Amino acid sequence: MTGGAKRAVPNPWLFEEPEETRGLGFDEIRQQQQRIIQEQDAGLDALSSIISRQKQMGQEIGNELDEQ
């Protein structure tokens, strides 16, 4: 029995190229990716320092509460 609707499986290789990379060569795309990674790394570094500061503040609050 083969009743029922068949679903078409989309081809993962058929996609529209994003506007950001359209017309760029391999090296240009690689450079763009490297810039994006550097921006992400800078954001993660900033987030890490914020979290470290919050941890320190939390420990200081905990110490203050223990003293009282």
PDB file of N, CA and C in Angstrom:
ATOM      1  N   MET A   1       0.828  -1.189   0.000  1.00  0.00           N
ATOM      2  CA  MET A   1       0.000   0.000   0.000  1.00  0.00           C
ATOM      3  C   MET A   1       0.869   1.247   0.000  1.00  0.00           C
ATOM      4  N   THR A   2       0.624   2.073  -0.945  1.00  0.00           N
ATOM      5  CA  THR A   2       1.397   3.300  -1.031  1.00  0.00           C
ATOM      6  C   THR A   2       0.478   4.504  -1.017  1.00  0.00           C
ATOM      7  N   GLY A   3      -0.577   4.438  -0.264  1.00  0.00           N
ATOM      8  CA  GLY A   3      -1.515   5.545  -0.191  1.00  0.00           C
ATOM      9  C   GLY A   3      -0.943   6.691   0.617  1.00  0.00           C
ATOM     10  N   GLY A   4      -1.514   7.853   0.448  1.00  0.00           N
ATOM     11  CA  GLY A   4      -1.072   9.023   1.200  1.00  0.00           C
ATOM     12  C   GLY A   4      -0.192   9.921   0.359  1.00  0.00           C
ATOM     13  N   ALA A   5       0.003  11.110   0.868  1.00  0.00           N
ATOM     14  CA  ALA A   5       0.810  12.092   0.133  1.00  0.00           C
ATOM     15  C   ALA A   5       2.290  11.862   0.387  1.00  0.00           C
ATOM     16  N   LYS A   6       3.053  12.023  -0.663  1.00  0.00           N
ATOM     17  CA  LYS A   6       4.504  11.906  -0.534  1.00  0.00           C
ATOM     18  C   LYS A   6       5.080  13.295  -0.318  1.00  0.00           C
ATOM     19  N   ARG A   7       6.001  13.380   0.592  1.00  0.00           N
ATOM     20  CA  ARG A   7       6.655  14.657   0.861  1.00  0.00           C
ATOM     21  C   ARG A   7       7.932  14.755   0.042  1.00  0.00           C
ATOM     22  N   ALA A   8       8.119  15.901  -0.551  1.00  0.00           N
ATOM     23  CA  ALA A   8       9.349  16.139  -1.298  1.00  0.00           C
ATOM     24  C   ALA A   8      10.451  16.499  -0.311  1.00  0.00           C
ATOM     25  N   VAL A   9      11.577  15.846  -0.447  1.00  0.00           N
ATOM     26  CA  VAL A   9      12.720  16.130   0.411  1.00  0.00           C
ATOM     27  C   VAL A   9      13.510  17.259  -0.238  1.00  0.00           C
ATOM     28  N   PRO A  10      13.686  18.385   0.482  1.00  0.00           N
ATOM     29  CA  PRO A  10      14.424  19.491  -0.135  1.00  0.00           C
ATOM     30  C   PRO A  10      15.893  19.139  -0.319  1.00  0.00           C
ATOM     31  N   ASN A  11      16.444  19.605  -1.398  1.00  0.00           N
ATOM     32  CA  ASN A  11      17.848  19.367  -1.692  1.00  0.00           C
ATOM     33  C   ASN A  11      18.680  20.358  -0.883  1.00  0.00           C
ATOM     34  N   PRO A  12      19.548  19.883   0.012  1.00  0.00           N
ATOM     35  CA  PRO A  12      20.324  20.810   0.847  1.00  0.00           C
ATOM     36  C   PRO A  12      21.322  21.641   0.048  1.00  0.00           C
ATOM     37  N   TRP A  13      21.607  21.254  -1.178  1.00  0.00           N
ATOM     38  CA  TRP A  13      22.576  21.983  -1.994  1.00  0.00           C
ATOM     39  C   TRP A  13      21.920  23.104  -2.787  1.00  0.00           C
ATOM     40  N   LEU A  14      20.598  23.117  -2.805  1.00  0.00           N
ATOM     41  CA  LEU A  14      19.890  24.167  -3.538  1.00  0.00           C
ATOM     42  C   LEU A  14      19.419  25.228  -2.555  1.00  0.00           C
ATOM     43  N   PHE A  15      20.180  26.297  -2.458  1.00  0.00           N
ATOM     44  CA  PHE A  15      19.801  27.402  -1.593  1.00  0.00           C
ATOM     45  C   PHE A  15      20.245  28.695  -2.257  1.00  0.00           C
ATOM     46  N   GLU A  16      19.598  29.760  -1.851  1.00  0.00           N
ATOM     47  CA  GLU A  16      19.981  31.043  -2.424  1.00  0.00           C
ATOM     48  C   GLU A  16      21.124  31.628  -1.621  1.00  0.00           C
ATOM     49  N   GLU A  17      22.130  32.077  -2.321  1.00  0.00           N
ATOM     50  CA  GLU A  17      23.312  32.639  -1.660  1.00  0.00           C
ATOM     51  C   GLU A  17      22.927  33.930  -0.942  1.00  0.00           C
ATOM     52  N   PRO A  18      23.416  34.108   0.295  1.00  0.00           N
ATOM     53  CA  PRO A  18      23.091  35.333   1.023  1.00  0.00           C
ATOM     54  C   PRO A  18      23.658  36.570   0.328  1.00  0.00           C
ATOM     55  N   GLU A  19      23.001  37.684   0.534  1.00  0.00           N
ATOM     56  CA  GLU A  19      23.415  38.945  -0.079  1.00  0.00           C
ATOM     57  C   GLU A  19      24.841  39.327   0.313  1.00  0.00           C
ATOM     58  N   GLU A  20      25.242  38.991   1.570  1.00  0.00           N
ATOM     59  CA  GLU A  20      26.563  39.374   2.072  1.00  0.00           C
ATOM     60  C   GLU A  20      27.702  38.729   1.287  1.00  0.00           C
ATOM     61  N   THR A  21      27.462  37.526   0.774  1.00  0.00           N
ATOM     62  CA  THR A  21      28.545  36.804   0.100  1.00  0.00           C
ATOM     63  C   THR A  21      28.378  36.742  -1.413  1.00  0.00           C
ATOM     64  N   ARG A  22      27.283  37.258  -1.912  1.00  0.00           N
ATOM     65  CA  ARG A  22      27.029  37.178  -3.352  1.00  0.00           C
ATOM     66  C   ARG A  22      28.106  37.954  -4.115  1.00  0.00           C
ATOM     67  N   GLY A  23      28.742  37.294  -5.036  1.00  0.00           N
ATOM     68  CA  GLY A  23      29.744  37.931  -5.876  1.00  0.00           C
ATOM     69  C   GLY A  23      31.140  37.957  -5.272  1.00  0.00           C
ATOM     70  N   LEU A  24      31.306  37.430  -4.067  1.00  0.00           N
ATOM     71  CA  LEU A  24      32.628  37.434  -3.430  1.00  0.00           C
ATOM     72  C   LEU A  24      33.380  36.157  -3.792  1.00  0.00           C
ATOM     73  N   GLY A  25      34.687  36.260  -3.836  1.00  0.00           N
ATOM     74  CA  GLY A  25      35.528  35.095  -4.074  1.00  0.00           C
ATOM     75  C   GLY A  25      35.808  34.362  -2.769  1.00  0.00           C
ATOM     76  N   PHE A  26      36.476  33.229  -2.888  1.00  0.00           N
ATOM     77  CA  PHE A  26      36.769  32.398  -1.722  1.00  0.00           C
ATOM     78  C   PHE A  26      37.553  33.166  -0.660  1.00  0.00           C
ATOM     79  N   ASP A  27      38.609  33.852  -1.074  1.00  0.00           N
ATOM     80  CA  ASP A  27      39.449  34.593  -0.117  1.00  0.00           C
ATOM     81  C   ASP A  27      38.665  35.713   0.564  1.00  0.00           C
ATOM     82  N   GLU A  28      37.804  36.377  -0.186  1.00  0.00           N
ATOM     83  CA  GLU A  28      37.002  37.457   0.394  1.00  0.00           C
ATOM     84  C   GLU A  28      36.005  36.927   1.418  1.00  0.00           C
ATOM     85  N   ILE A  29      35.409  35.793   1.121  1.00  0.00           N
ATOM     86  CA  ILE A  29      34.475  35.170   2.076  1.00  0.00           C
ATOM     87  C   ILE A  29      35.227  34.739   3.325  1.00  0.00           C
ATOM     88  N   ARG A  30      36.427  34.174   3.139  1.00  0.00           N
ATOM     89  CA  ARG A  30      37.235  33.749   4.286  1.00  0.00           C
ATOM     90  C   ARG A  30      37.614  34.944   5.153  1.00  0.00           C
ATOM     91  N   GLN A  31      37.977  36.068   4.544  1.00  0.00           N
ATOM     92  CA  GLN A  31      38.312  37.276   5.298  1.00  0.00           C
ATOM     93  C   GLN A  31      37.100  37.799   6.052  1.00  0.00           C
ATOM     94  N   GLN A  32      35.950  37.748   5.395  1.00  0.00           N
ATOM     95  CA  GLN A  32      34.718  38.185   6.057  1.00  0.00           C
ATOM     96  C   GLN A  32      34.422  37.302   7.269  1.00  0.00           C
ATOM     97  N   GLN A  33      34.595  36.009   7.124  1.00  0.00           N
ATOM     98  CA  GLN A  33      34.380  35.087   8.238  1.00  0.00           C
ATOM     99  C   GLN A  33      35.358  35.368   9.369  1.00  0.00           C
ATOM    100  N   GLN A  34      36.609  35.660   9.037  1.00  0.00           N
ATOM    101  CA  GLN A  34      37.610  35.969  10.061  1.00  0.00           C
ATOM    102  C   GLN A  34      37.232  37.238  10.824  1.00  0.00           C
ATOM    103  N   ARG A  35      36.724  38.250  10.119  1.00  0.00           N
ATOM    104  CA  ARG A  35      36.275  39.483  10.793  1.00  0.00           C
ATOM    105  C   ARG A  35      35.119  39.192  11.741  1.00  0.00           C
ATOM    106  N   ILE A  36      34.191  38.366  11.289  1.00  0.00           N
ATOM    107  CA  ILE A  36      33.041  38.007  12.128  1.00  0.00           C
ATOM    108  C   ILE A  36      33.522  37.265  13.367  1.00  0.00           C
ATOM    109  N   ILE A  37      34.450  36.340  13.206  1.00  0.00           N
ATOM    110  CA  ILE A  37      34.983  35.582  14.336  1.00  0.00           C
ATOM    111  C   ILE A  37      35.700  36.510  15.314  1.00  0.00           C
ATOM    112  N   GLN A  38      36.452  37.476  14.801  1.00  0.00           N
ATOM    113  CA  GLN A  38      37.142  38.433  15.675  1.00  0.00           C
ATOM    114  C   GLN A  38      36.142  39.273  16.462  1.00  0.00           C
ATOM    115  N   GLU A  39      35.056  39.692  15.805  1.00  0.00           N
ATOM    116  CA  GLU A  39      34.026  40.461  16.504  1.00  0.00           C
ATOM    117  C   GLU A  39      33.361  39.612  17.588  1.00  0.00           C
ATOM    118  N   GLN A  40      33.092  38.355  17.276  1.00  0.00           N
ATOM    119  CA  GLN A  40      32.495  37.455  18.262  1.00  0.00           C
ATOM    120  C   GLN A  40      33.443  37.232  19.437  1.00  0.00           C
ATOM    121  N   ASP A  41      34.724  37.052  19.141  1.00  0.00           N
ATOM    122  CA  ASP A  41      35.713  36.865  20.202  1.00  0.00           C
ATOM    123  C   ASP A  41      35.775  38.081  21.112  1.00  0.00           C
ATOM    124  N   ALA A  42      35.744  39.278  20.523  1.00  0.00           N
ATOM    125  CA  ALA A  42      35.771  40.500  21.326  1.00  0.00           C
ATOM    126  C   ALA A  42      34.523  40.577  22.207  1.00  0.00           C
ATOM    127  N   GLY A  43      33.378  40.216  21.660  1.00  0.00           N
ATOM    128  CA  GLY A  43      32.142  40.202  22.450  1.00  0.00           C
ATOM    129  C   GLY A  43      32.204  39.186  23.577  1.00  0.00           C
ATOM    130  N   LEU A  44      32.767  38.018  23.305  1.00  0.00           N
ATOM    131  CA  LEU A  44      32.896  36.997  24.344  1.00  0.00           C
ATOM    132  C   LEU A  44      33.872  37.429  25.433  1.00  0.00           C
ATOM    133  N   ASP A  45      34.948  38.109  25.045  1.00  0.00           N
ATOM    134  CA  ASP A  45      35.894  38.625  26.038  1.00  0.00           C
ATOM    135  C   ASP A  45      35.210  39.639  26.951  1.00  0.00           C
ATOM    136  N   ALA A  46      34.408  40.534  26.363  1.00  0.00           N
ATOM    137  CA  ALA A  46      33.684  41.528  27.161  1.00  0.00           C
ATOM    138  C   ALA A  46      32.694  40.829  28.090  1.00  0.00           C
ATOM    139  N   LEU A  47      31.985  39.845  27.584  1.00  0.00           N
ATOM    140  CA  LEU A  47      31.032  39.108  28.408  1.00  0.00           C
ATOM    141  C   LEU A  47      31.738  38.379  29.540  1.00  0.00           C
ATOM    142  N   SER A  48      32.896  37.808  29.247  1.00  0.00           N
ATOM    143  CA  SER A  48      33.659  37.103  30.267  1.00  0.00           C
ATOM    144  C   SER A  48      34.073  38.038  31.400  1.00  0.00           C
ATOM    145  N   SER A  49      34.511  39.243  31.050  1.00  0.00           N
ATOM    146  CA  SER A  49      34.928  40.175  32.107  1.00  0.00           C
ATOM    147  C   SER A  49      33.728  40.638  32.926  1.00  0.00           C
ATOM    148  N   ILE A  50      32.574  40.801  32.285  1.00  0.00           N
ATOM    149  CA  ILE A  50      31.366  41.188  33.020  1.00  0.00           C
ATOM    150  C   ILE A  50      30.966  40.083  33.997  1.00  0.00           C
ATOM    151  N   ILE A  51      30.996  38.845  33.527  1.00  0.00           N
ATOM    152  CA  ILE A  51      30.620  37.717  34.386  1.00  0.00           C
ATOM    153  C   ILE A  51      31.611  37.574  35.538  1.00  0.00           C
ATOM    154  N   SER A  52      32.899  37.763  35.267  1.00  0.00           N
ATOM    155  CA  SER A  52      33.906  37.690  36.332  1.00  0.00           C
ATOM    156  C   SER A  52      33.646  38.758  37.392  1.00  0.00           C
ATOM    157  N   ARG A  53      33.315  39.954  36.933  1.00  0.00           N
ATOM    158  CA  ARG A  53      33.028  41.050  37.874  1.00  0.00           C
ATOM    159  C   ARG A  53      31.786  40.728  38.702  1.00  0.00           C
ATOM    160  N   GLN A  54      30.756  40.184  38.076  1.00  0.00           N
ATOM    161  CA  GLN A  54      29.548  39.814  38.812  1.00  0.00           C
ATOM    162  C   GLN A  54      29.838  38.707  39.820  1.00  0.00           C
ATOM    163  N   LYS A  55      30.689  37.769  39.463  1.00  0.00           N
ATOM    164  CA  LYS A  55      31.075  36.707  40.392  1.00  0.00           C
ATOM    165  C   LYS A  55      31.778  37.307  41.599  1.00  0.00           C
ATOM    166  N   GLN A  56      32.698  38.217  41.341  1.00  0.00           N
ATOM    167  CA  GLN A  56      33.421  38.869  42.430  1.00  0.00           C
ATOM    168  C   GLN A  56      32.456  39.632  43.335  1.00  0.00           C
ATOM    169  N   MET A  57      31.523  40.345  42.736  1.00  0.00           N
ATOM    170  CA  MET A  57      30.544  41.096  43.530  1.00  0.00           C
ATOM    171  C   MET A  57      29.686  40.143  44.372  1.00  0.00           C
ATOM    172  N   GLY A  58      29.297  39.029  43.787  1.00  0.00           N
ATOM    173  CA  GLY A  58      28.504  38.046  44.515  1.00  0.00           C
ATOM    174  C   GLY A  58      29.264  37.473  45.701  1.00  0.00           C
ATOM    175  N   GLN A  59      30.551  37.192  45.489  1.00  0.00           N
ATOM    176  CA  GLN A  59      31.365  36.672  46.585  1.00  0.00           C
ATOM    177  C   GLN A  59      31.520  37.717  47.696  1.00  0.00           C
ATOM    178  N   GLU A  60      31.697  38.970  47.311  1.00  0.00           N
ATOM    179  CA  GLU A  60      31.822  40.030  48.309  1.00  0.00           C
ATOM    180  C   GLU A  60      30.523  40.205  49.089  1.00  0.00           C
ATOM    181  N   ILE A  61      29.400  40.106  48.399  1.00  0.00           N
ATOM    182  CA  ILE A  61      28.105  40.198  49.091  1.00  0.00           C
ATOM    183  C   ILE A  61      27.955  39.029  50.054  1.00  0.00           C
ATOM    184  N   GLY A  62      28.328  37.825  49.590  1.00  0.00           N
ATOM    185  CA  GLY A  62      28.253  36.646  50.462  1.00  0.00           C
ATOM    186  C   GLY A  62      29.147  36.800  51.687  1.00  0.00           C
ATOM    187  N   ASN A  63      30.342  37.324  51.507  1.00  0.00           N
ATOM    188  CA  ASN A  63      31.255  37.545  52.644  1.00  0.00           C
ATOM    189  C   ASN A  63      30.663  38.561  53.625  1.00  0.00           C
ATOM    190  N   GLU A  64      30.067  39.605  53.077  1.00  0.00           N
ATOM    191  CA  GLU A  64      29.449  40.635  53.929  1.00  0.00           C
ATOM    192  C   GLU A  64      28.295  40.043  54.734  1.00  0.00           C
ATOM    193  N   LEU A  65      27.497  39.205  54.096  1.00  0.00           N
ATOM    194  CA  LEU A  65      26.391  38.578  54.806  1.00  0.00           C
ATOM    195  C   LEU A  65      26.907  37.639  55.899  1.00  0.00           C
ATOM    196  N   ASP A  66      27.975  36.907  55.617  1.00  0.00           N
ATOM    197  CA  ASP A  66      28.547  36.006  56.623  1.00  0.00           C
ATOM    198  C   ASP A  66      29.037  36.800  57.836  1.00  0.00           C
ATOM    199  N   GLU A  67      29.620  37.952  57.597  1.00  0.00           N
ATOM    200  CA  GLU A  67      30.128  38.767  58.696  1.00  0.00           C
ATOM    201  C   GLU A  67      29.008  39.306  59.583  1.00  0.00           C
ATOM    202  N   GLN A  68      27.881  39.555  58.969  1.00  0.00           N
ATOM    203  CA  GLN A  68      26.771  40.118  59.729  1.00  0.00           C
ATOM    204  C   GLN A  68      25.951  38.994  60.329  1.00  0.00           C
TER     205      GLN A  68
END
